């Protein structure tokens, strides 16, 4: 049996469709920008046609991703993260620090982080596209959501749309930790390498 016999073909049709919808693009708009017919794109998304590598590259460029998003399949072992071994980073001008929980999946749409929040920290109010779910791991956090205030303790969670104005603050004694999971494009930026704990921009 050769490598080609047992290699799983990448499901790029579904990935293209998911990324197109996430970008709020119609079939016609994506097809026009990629220089292909809308009928052919529809067939590709439904797994009825196979594009050339050049067409995949055009679609990737239009969607703002690398072509490897469509043609690579991660190994099962690449999906595991372990306590004490996860990449950590911080923004230069912030006292928050972050720890990657999610891994990089081709065409993946969610990201997950553990956010380490120092005592007395309060964030600015923000609103943006995407869906968010927070789960308190440690400490006491006050989350505001469109003016409403929620005091959350370990084991409590809050699920909301990111375009609702929101902010959080550590109101307990000592540091707090949140498990954040969401689809916000602002939080899906470049990841540090798996072996690096250097500060890296790309989250806020």
C-alpha atoms as a PDB file:
ATOM      1  CA  UNK A   1       0.000   0.000   0.000  1.00  0.00           C
ATOM      2  CA  UNK A   2       1.416   3.377  -0.990  1.00  0.00           C
ATOM      3  CA  UNK A   3       1.131   6.608   0.944  1.00  0.00           C
ATOM      4  CA  UNK A   4      -1.502   7.808  -1.523  1.00  0.00           C
ATOM      5  CA  UNK A   5      -3.621   4.729  -0.786  1.00  0.00           C
ATOM      6  CA  UNK A   6      -4.213   5.606   2.845  1.00  0.00           C
ATOM      7  CA  UNK A   7      -3.835   9.378   2.910  1.00  0.00           C
ATOM      8  CA  UNK A   8      -7.164  11.056   3.649  1.00  0.00           C
ATOM      9  CA  UNK A   9      -7.948  13.672   0.986  1.00  0.00           C
ATOM     10  CA  UNK A  10      -8.457  17.124   2.489  1.00  0.00           C
ATOM     11  CA  UNK A  11     -12.095  18.261   2.657  1.00  0.00           C
ATOM     12  CA  UNK A  12     -11.348  21.628   1.074  1.00  0.00           C
ATOM     13  CA  UNK A  13     -14.872  22.082  -0.324  1.00  0.00           C
ATOM     14  CA  UNK A  14     -16.415  22.360   3.107  1.00  0.00           C
ATOM     15  CA  UNK A  15     -13.536  24.488   4.315  1.00  0.00           C
ATOM     16  CA  UNK A  16     -13.995  26.935   1.448  1.00  0.00           C
ATOM     17  CA  UNK A  17     -17.730  27.166   2.125  1.00  0.00           C
ATOM     18  CA  UNK A  18     -17.228  27.727   5.865  1.00  0.00           C
ATOM     19  CA  UNK A  19     -14.595  30.398   5.333  1.00  0.00           C
ATOM     20  CA  UNK A  20     -16.676  32.127   2.658  1.00  0.00           C
ATOM     21  CA  UNK A  21     -19.673  32.285   4.984  1.00  0.00           C
ATOM     22  CA  UNK A  22     -17.536  33.502   7.851  1.00  0.00           C
ATOM     23  CA  UNK A  23     -16.280  36.301   5.588  1.00  0.00           C
ATOM     24  CA  UNK A  24     -19.888  37.151   4.637  1.00  0.00           C
ATOM     25  CA  UNK A  25     -19.179  36.562   0.949  1.00  0.00           C
ATOM     26  CA  UNK A  26     -21.701  35.207  -1.521  1.00  0.00           C
ATOM     27  CA  UNK A  27     -20.775  32.486  -3.990  1.00  0.00           C
ATOM     28  CA  UNK A  28     -20.874  35.067  -6.758  1.00  0.00           C
ATOM     29  CA  UNK A  29     -18.573  37.537  -5.009  1.00  0.00           C
ATOM     30  CA  UNK A  30     -15.966  34.919  -4.092  1.00  0.00           C
ATOM     31  CA  UNK A  31     -16.077  33.416  -7.587  1.00  0.00           C
ATOM     32  CA  UNK A  32     -15.664  36.829  -9.236  1.00  0.00           C
ATOM     33  CA  UNK A  33     -12.745  37.792  -6.999  1.00  0.00           C
ATOM     34  CA  UNK A  34     -11.024  34.439  -7.507  1.00  0.00           C
ATOM     35  CA  UNK A  35     -11.571  34.539 -11.280  1.00  0.00           C
ATOM     36  CA  UNK A  36     -13.686  31.384 -11.597  1.00  0.00           C
ATOM     37  CA  UNK A  37     -17.306  30.709 -12.480  1.00  0.00           C
ATOM     38  CA  UNK A  38     -19.914  30.652  -9.731  1.00  0.00           C
ATOM     39  CA  UNK A  39     -21.176  27.285 -10.973  1.00  0.00           C
ATOM     40  CA  UNK A  40     -17.735  25.729 -10.649  1.00  0.00           C
ATOM     41  CA  UNK A  41     -17.256  27.191  -7.159  1.00  0.00           C
ATOM     42  CA  UNK A  42     -20.620  25.761  -6.105  1.00  0.00           C
ATOM     43  CA  UNK A  43     -19.556  22.331  -7.339  1.00  0.00           C
ATOM     44  CA  UNK A  44     -16.241  22.602  -5.477  1.00  0.00           C
ATOM     45  CA  UNK A  45     -17.968  23.507  -2.217  1.00  0.00           C
ATOM     46  CA  UNK A  46     -20.312  20.513  -2.601  1.00  0.00           C
ATOM     47  CA  UNK A  47     -17.462  18.116  -3.367  1.00  0.00           C
ATOM     48  CA  UNK A  48     -18.635  17.630  -6.948  1.00  0.00           C
ATOM     49  CA  UNK A  49     -15.559  19.117  -8.625  1.00  0.00           C
ATOM     50  CA  UNK A  50     -11.847  19.255  -7.888  1.00  0.00           C
ATOM     51  CA  UNK A  51     -10.043  22.568  -8.476  1.00  0.00           C
ATOM     52  CA  UNK A  52      -6.481  22.894  -9.641  1.00  0.00           C
ATOM     53  CA  UNK A  53      -3.819  24.024  -7.200  1.00  0.00           C
ATOM     54  CA  UNK A  54      -3.787  27.372  -8.988  1.00  0.00           C
ATOM     55  CA  UNK A  55      -7.510  27.829  -8.404  1.00  0.00           C
ATOM     56  CA  UNK A  56      -7.091  26.873  -4.751  1.00  0.00           C
ATOM     57  CA  UNK A  57      -4.319  29.460  -4.485  1.00  0.00           C
ATOM     58  CA  UNK A  58      -6.627  32.116  -5.962  1.00  0.00           C
ATOM     59  CA  UNK A  59      -9.394  31.211  -3.521  1.00  0.00           C
ATOM     60  CA  UNK A  60      -6.943  31.249  -0.609  1.00  0.00           C
ATOM     61  CA  UNK A  61      -5.618  34.683  -1.610  1.00  0.00           C
ATOM     62  CA  UNK A  62      -9.158  36.044  -1.881  1.00  0.00           C
ATOM     63  CA  UNK A  63     -10.028  34.678   1.562  1.00  0.00           C
ATOM     64  CA  UNK A  64      -6.777  35.971   3.051  1.00  0.00           C
ATOM     65  CA  UNK A  65      -5.314  32.591   4.040  1.00  0.00           C
ATOM     66  CA  UNK A  66      -2.539  30.305   2.895  1.00  0.00           C
ATOM     67  CA  UNK A  67      -3.310  27.516   0.455  1.00  0.00           C
ATOM     68  CA  UNK A  68      -2.153  24.988   3.069  1.00  0.00           C
ATOM     69  CA  UNK A  69      -5.435  25.668   4.892  1.00  0.00           C
ATOM     70  CA  UNK A  70      -7.166  23.672   2.172  1.00  0.00           C
ATOM     71  CA  UNK A  71      -4.672  20.914   1.451  1.00  0.00           C
ATOM     72  CA  UNK A  72      -3.244  19.859   4.821  1.00  0.00           C
ATOM     73  CA  UNK A  73      -4.594  17.458   7.411  1.00  0.00           C
ATOM     74  CA  UNK A  74      -3.152  17.680  10.952  1.00  0.00           C
ATOM     75  CA  UNK A  75      -1.947  14.569  12.747  1.00  0.00           C
ATOM     76  CA  UNK A  76      -4.155  13.510  15.690  1.00  0.00           C
ATOM     77  CA  UNK A  77      -1.242  14.145  18.057  1.00  0.00           C
ATOM     78  CA  UNK A  78      -1.107  17.778  16.897  1.00  0.00           C
ATOM     79  CA  UNK A  79      -4.520  18.348  18.500  1.00  0.00           C
ATOM     80  CA  UNK A  80      -3.275  17.755  22.067  1.00  0.00           C
ATOM     81  CA  UNK A  81      -2.127  20.489  24.460  1.00  0.00           C
ATOM     82  CA  UNK A  82      -0.783  19.720  27.924  1.00  0.00           C
ATOM     83  CA  UNK A  83      -0.663  21.547  31.226  1.00  0.00           C
ATOM     84  CA  UNK A  84       2.650  23.348  31.654  1.00  0.00           C
ATOM     85  CA  UNK A  85       3.634  22.915  27.988  1.00  0.00           C
ATOM     86  CA  UNK A  86       1.239  25.308  26.243  1.00  0.00           C
ATOM     87  CA  UNK A  87       2.687  28.379  24.483  1.00  0.00           C
ATOM     88  CA  UNK A  88       2.154  31.534  26.552  1.00  0.00           C
ATOM     89  CA  UNK A  89       2.392  35.143  25.468  1.00  0.00           C
ATOM     90  CA  UNK A  90       1.451  38.700  26.407  1.00  0.00           C
ATOM     91  CA  UNK A  91       0.978  41.978  24.628  1.00  0.00           C
ATOM     92  CA  UNK A  92       3.711  44.556  25.154  1.00  0.00           C
ATOM     93  CA  UNK A  93       1.485  47.145  26.814  1.00  0.00           C
ATOM     94  CA  UNK A  94      -0.866  44.861  28.766  1.00  0.00           C
ATOM     95  CA  UNK A  95      -0.621  43.178  32.166  1.00  0.00           C
ATOM     96  CA  UNK A  96      -2.743  40.284  30.903  1.00  0.00           C
ATOM     97  CA  UNK A  97      -1.085  37.060  29.813  1.00  0.00           C
ATOM     98  CA  UNK A  98      -2.475  34.324  27.614  1.00  0.00           C
ATOM     99  CA  UNK A  99      -2.056  30.578  27.197  1.00  0.00           C
ATOM    100  CA  UNK A 100      -3.039  28.726  24.027  1.00  0.00           C
ATOM    101  CA  UNK A 101      -5.531  25.895  24.533  1.00  0.00           C
ATOM    102  CA  UNK A 102      -6.714  25.432  20.962  1.00  0.00           C
ATOM    103  CA  UNK A 103      -4.416  24.212  18.226  1.00  0.00           C
ATOM    104  CA  UNK A 104      -4.140  25.195  14.578  1.00  0.00           C
ATOM    105  CA  UNK A 105      -6.611  23.321  12.386  1.00  0.00           C
ATOM    106  CA  UNK A 106      -6.876  23.938   8.621  1.00  0.00           C
ATOM    107  CA  UNK A 107     -10.036  25.950   8.141  1.00  0.00           C
ATOM    108  CA  UNK A 108     -10.700  26.041  11.878  1.00  0.00           C
ATOM    109  CA  UNK A 109     -13.053  28.765  13.093  1.00  0.00           C
ATOM    110  CA  UNK A 110     -12.650  28.745  16.884  1.00  0.00           C
ATOM    111  CA  UNK A 111      -9.846  29.746  19.186  1.00  0.00           C
ATOM    112  CA  UNK A 112      -9.459  29.011  22.890  1.00  0.00           C
ATOM    113  CA  UNK A 113      -7.206  30.638  25.466  1.00  0.00           C
ATOM    114  CA  UNK A 114      -6.640  30.709  29.193  1.00  0.00           C
ATOM    115  CA  UNK A 115      -6.490  34.385  30.168  1.00  0.00           C
ATOM    116  CA  UNK A 116      -4.446  35.190  33.280  1.00  0.00           C
ATOM    117  CA  UNK A 117      -5.868  38.357  34.878  1.00  0.00           C
ATOM    118  CA  UNK A 118      -3.890  40.206  37.569  1.00  0.00           C
ATOM    119  CA  UNK A 119      -5.568  41.573  40.682  1.00  0.00           C
ATOM    120  CA  UNK A 120      -7.503  44.856  40.155  1.00  0.00           C
ATOM    121  CA  UNK A 121      -7.307  44.614  36.360  1.00  0.00           C
ATOM    122  CA  UNK A 122     -10.248  46.091  34.408  1.00  0.00           C
ATOM    123  CA  UNK A 123     -10.569  45.952  30.636  1.00  0.00           C
ATOM    124  CA  UNK A 124     -11.958  48.553  28.265  1.00  0.00           C
ATOM    125  CA  UNK A 125     -15.426  48.137  26.770  1.00  0.00           C
ATOM    126  CA  UNK A 126     -15.260  46.521  23.355  1.00  0.00           C
ATOM    127  CA  UNK A 127     -17.567  45.119  20.677  1.00  0.00           C
ATOM    128  CA  UNK A 128     -16.654  43.110  17.584  1.00  0.00           C
ATOM    129  CA  UNK A 129     -17.845  40.366  15.275  1.00  0.00           C
ATOM    130  CA  UNK A 130     -17.884  36.806  16.625  1.00  0.00           C
ATOM    131  CA  UNK A 131     -19.189  34.526  19.340  1.00  0.00           C
ATOM    132  CA  UNK A 132     -17.633  34.196  22.797  1.00  0.00           C
ATOM    133  CA  UNK A 133     -17.851  31.810  25.742  1.00  0.00           C
ATOM    134  CA  UNK A 134     -16.010  32.448  29.000  1.00  0.00           C
ATOM    135  CA  UNK A 135     -15.640  30.019  31.903  1.00  0.00           C
ATOM    136  CA  UNK A 136     -14.085  31.093  35.204  1.00  0.00           C
ATOM    137  CA  UNK A 137     -11.269  28.824  36.341  1.00  0.00           C
ATOM    138  CA  UNK A 138      -9.999  30.888  39.271  1.00  0.00           C
ATOM    139  CA  UNK A 139     -10.895  34.067  41.135  1.00  0.00           C
ATOM    140  CA  UNK A 140     -13.886  36.392  40.910  1.00  0.00           C
ATOM    141  CA  UNK A 141     -14.627  38.239  37.685  1.00  0.00           C
ATOM    142  CA  UNK A 142     -17.223  40.911  36.981  1.00  0.00           C
ATOM    143  CA  UNK A 143     -18.388  40.764  33.372  1.00  0.00           C
ATOM    144  CA  UNK A 144     -20.432  43.583  31.899  1.00  0.00           C
ATOM    145  CA  UNK A 145     -22.646  42.819  28.936  1.00  0.00           C
ATOM    146  CA  UNK A 146     -24.547  45.677  27.291  1.00  0.00           C
ATOM    147  CA  UNK A 147     -24.664  47.490  30.637  1.00  0.00           C
ATOM    148  CA  UNK A 148     -25.736  44.456  32.700  1.00  0.00           C
ATOM    149  CA  UNK A 149     -23.284  43.311  35.386  1.00  0.00           C
ATOM    150  CA  UNK A 150     -22.562  39.656  36.224  1.00  0.00           C
ATOM    151  CA  UNK A 151     -20.297  38.501  39.052  1.00  0.00           C
ATOM    152  CA  UNK A 152     -18.796  35.157  38.087  1.00  0.00           C
ATOM    153  CA  UNK A 153     -17.057  32.649  40.355  1.00  0.00           C
ATOM    154  CA  UNK A 154     -15.115  29.458  39.523  1.00  0.00           C
ATOM    155  CA  UNK A 155     -17.365  27.146  37.556  1.00  0.00           C
ATOM    156  CA  UNK A 156     -19.586  29.981  36.249  1.00  0.00           C
ATOM    157  CA  UNK A 157     -19.786  30.751  32.540  1.00  0.00           C
ATOM    158  CA  UNK A 158     -21.188  33.339  30.153  1.00  0.00           C
ATOM    159  CA  UNK A 159     -21.981  32.852  26.449  1.00  0.00           C
ATOM    160  CA  UNK A 160     -22.622  35.901  24.264  1.00  0.00           C
ATOM    161  CA  UNK A 161     -22.181  37.498  20.852  1.00  0.00           C
ATOM    162  CA  UNK A 162     -19.107  39.686  20.525  1.00  0.00           C
ATOM    163  CA  UNK A 163     -20.982  42.584  18.943  1.00  0.00           C
ATOM    164  CA  UNK A 164     -22.656  43.185  22.317  1.00  0.00           C
ATOM    165  CA  UNK A 165     -20.570  45.813  24.184  1.00  0.00           C
ATOM    166  CA  UNK A 166     -18.678  43.968  26.907  1.00  0.00           C
ATOM    167  CA  UNK A 167     -15.850  44.277  29.423  1.00  0.00           C
ATOM    168  CA  UNK A 168     -14.439  42.345  32.363  1.00  0.00           C
ATOM    169  CA  UNK A 169     -12.661  43.072  35.637  1.00  0.00           C
ATOM    170  CA  UNK A 170     -10.922  41.040  38.321  1.00  0.00           C
ATOM    171  CA  UNK A 171     -12.739  42.036  41.526  1.00  0.00           C
ATOM    172  CA  UNK A 172     -11.391  39.293  43.795  1.00  0.00           C
ATOM    173  CA  UNK A 173      -8.338  39.041  45.989  1.00  0.00           C
ATOM    174  CA  UNK A 174      -5.493  37.665  43.912  1.00  0.00           C
ATOM    175  CA  UNK A 175      -5.205  36.706  40.252  1.00  0.00           C
ATOM    176  CA  UNK A 176      -8.036  35.280  38.193  1.00  0.00           C
ATOM    177  CA  UNK A 177      -8.107  32.882  35.254  1.00  0.00           C
ATOM    178  CA  UNK A 178     -10.669  32.612  32.467  1.00  0.00           C
ATOM    179  CA  UNK A 179     -11.055  29.963  29.803  1.00  0.00           C
ATOM    180  CA  UNK A 180     -12.059  31.939  26.700  1.00  0.00           C
ATOM    181  CA  UNK A 181     -13.393  30.246  23.575  1.00  0.00           C
ATOM    182  CA  UNK A 182     -14.718  32.096  20.555  1.00  0.00           C
ATOM    183  CA  UNK A 183     -14.825  32.807  16.867  1.00  0.00           C
ATOM    184  CA  UNK A 184     -13.872  36.485  16.910  1.00  0.00           C
ATOM    185  CA  UNK A 185     -11.483  37.265  14.011  1.00  0.00           C
ATOM    186  CA  UNK A 186      -9.675  39.732  16.294  1.00  0.00           C
ATOM    187  CA  UNK A 187      -8.679  36.786  18.463  1.00  0.00           C
ATOM    188  CA  UNK A 188      -7.610  34.489  15.651  1.00  0.00           C
ATOM    189  CA  UNK A 189      -4.296  36.111  14.854  1.00  0.00           C
ATOM    190  CA  UNK A 190      -0.826  34.627  14.357  1.00  0.00           C
ATOM    191  CA  UNK A 191       0.168  31.946  16.849  1.00  0.00           C
ATOM    192  CA  UNK A 192       3.584  31.588  18.476  1.00  0.00           C
ATOM    193  CA  UNK A 193       5.533  28.486  17.548  1.00  0.00           C
ATOM    194  CA  UNK A 194       4.826  25.420  19.648  1.00  0.00           C
ATOM    195  CA  UNK A 195       8.218  25.609  21.317  1.00  0.00           C
ATOM    196  CA  UNK A 196       8.192  29.316  22.053  1.00  0.00           C
ATOM    197  CA  UNK A 197       7.041  31.197  25.130  1.00  0.00           C
ATOM    198  CA  UNK A 198       8.038  34.588  23.731  1.00  0.00           C
ATOM    199  CA  UNK A 199       5.628  37.495  23.838  1.00  0.00           C
ATOM    200  CA  UNK A 200       3.608  37.575  20.628  1.00  0.00           C
ATOM    201  CA  UNK A 201       1.012  39.962  19.309  1.00  0.00           C
ATOM    202  CA  UNK A 202      -2.209  38.712  17.774  1.00  0.00           C
ATOM    203  CA  UNK A 203      -4.657  38.599  20.733  1.00  0.00           C
ATOM    204  CA  UNK A 204      -6.362  41.371  22.659  1.00  0.00           C
END
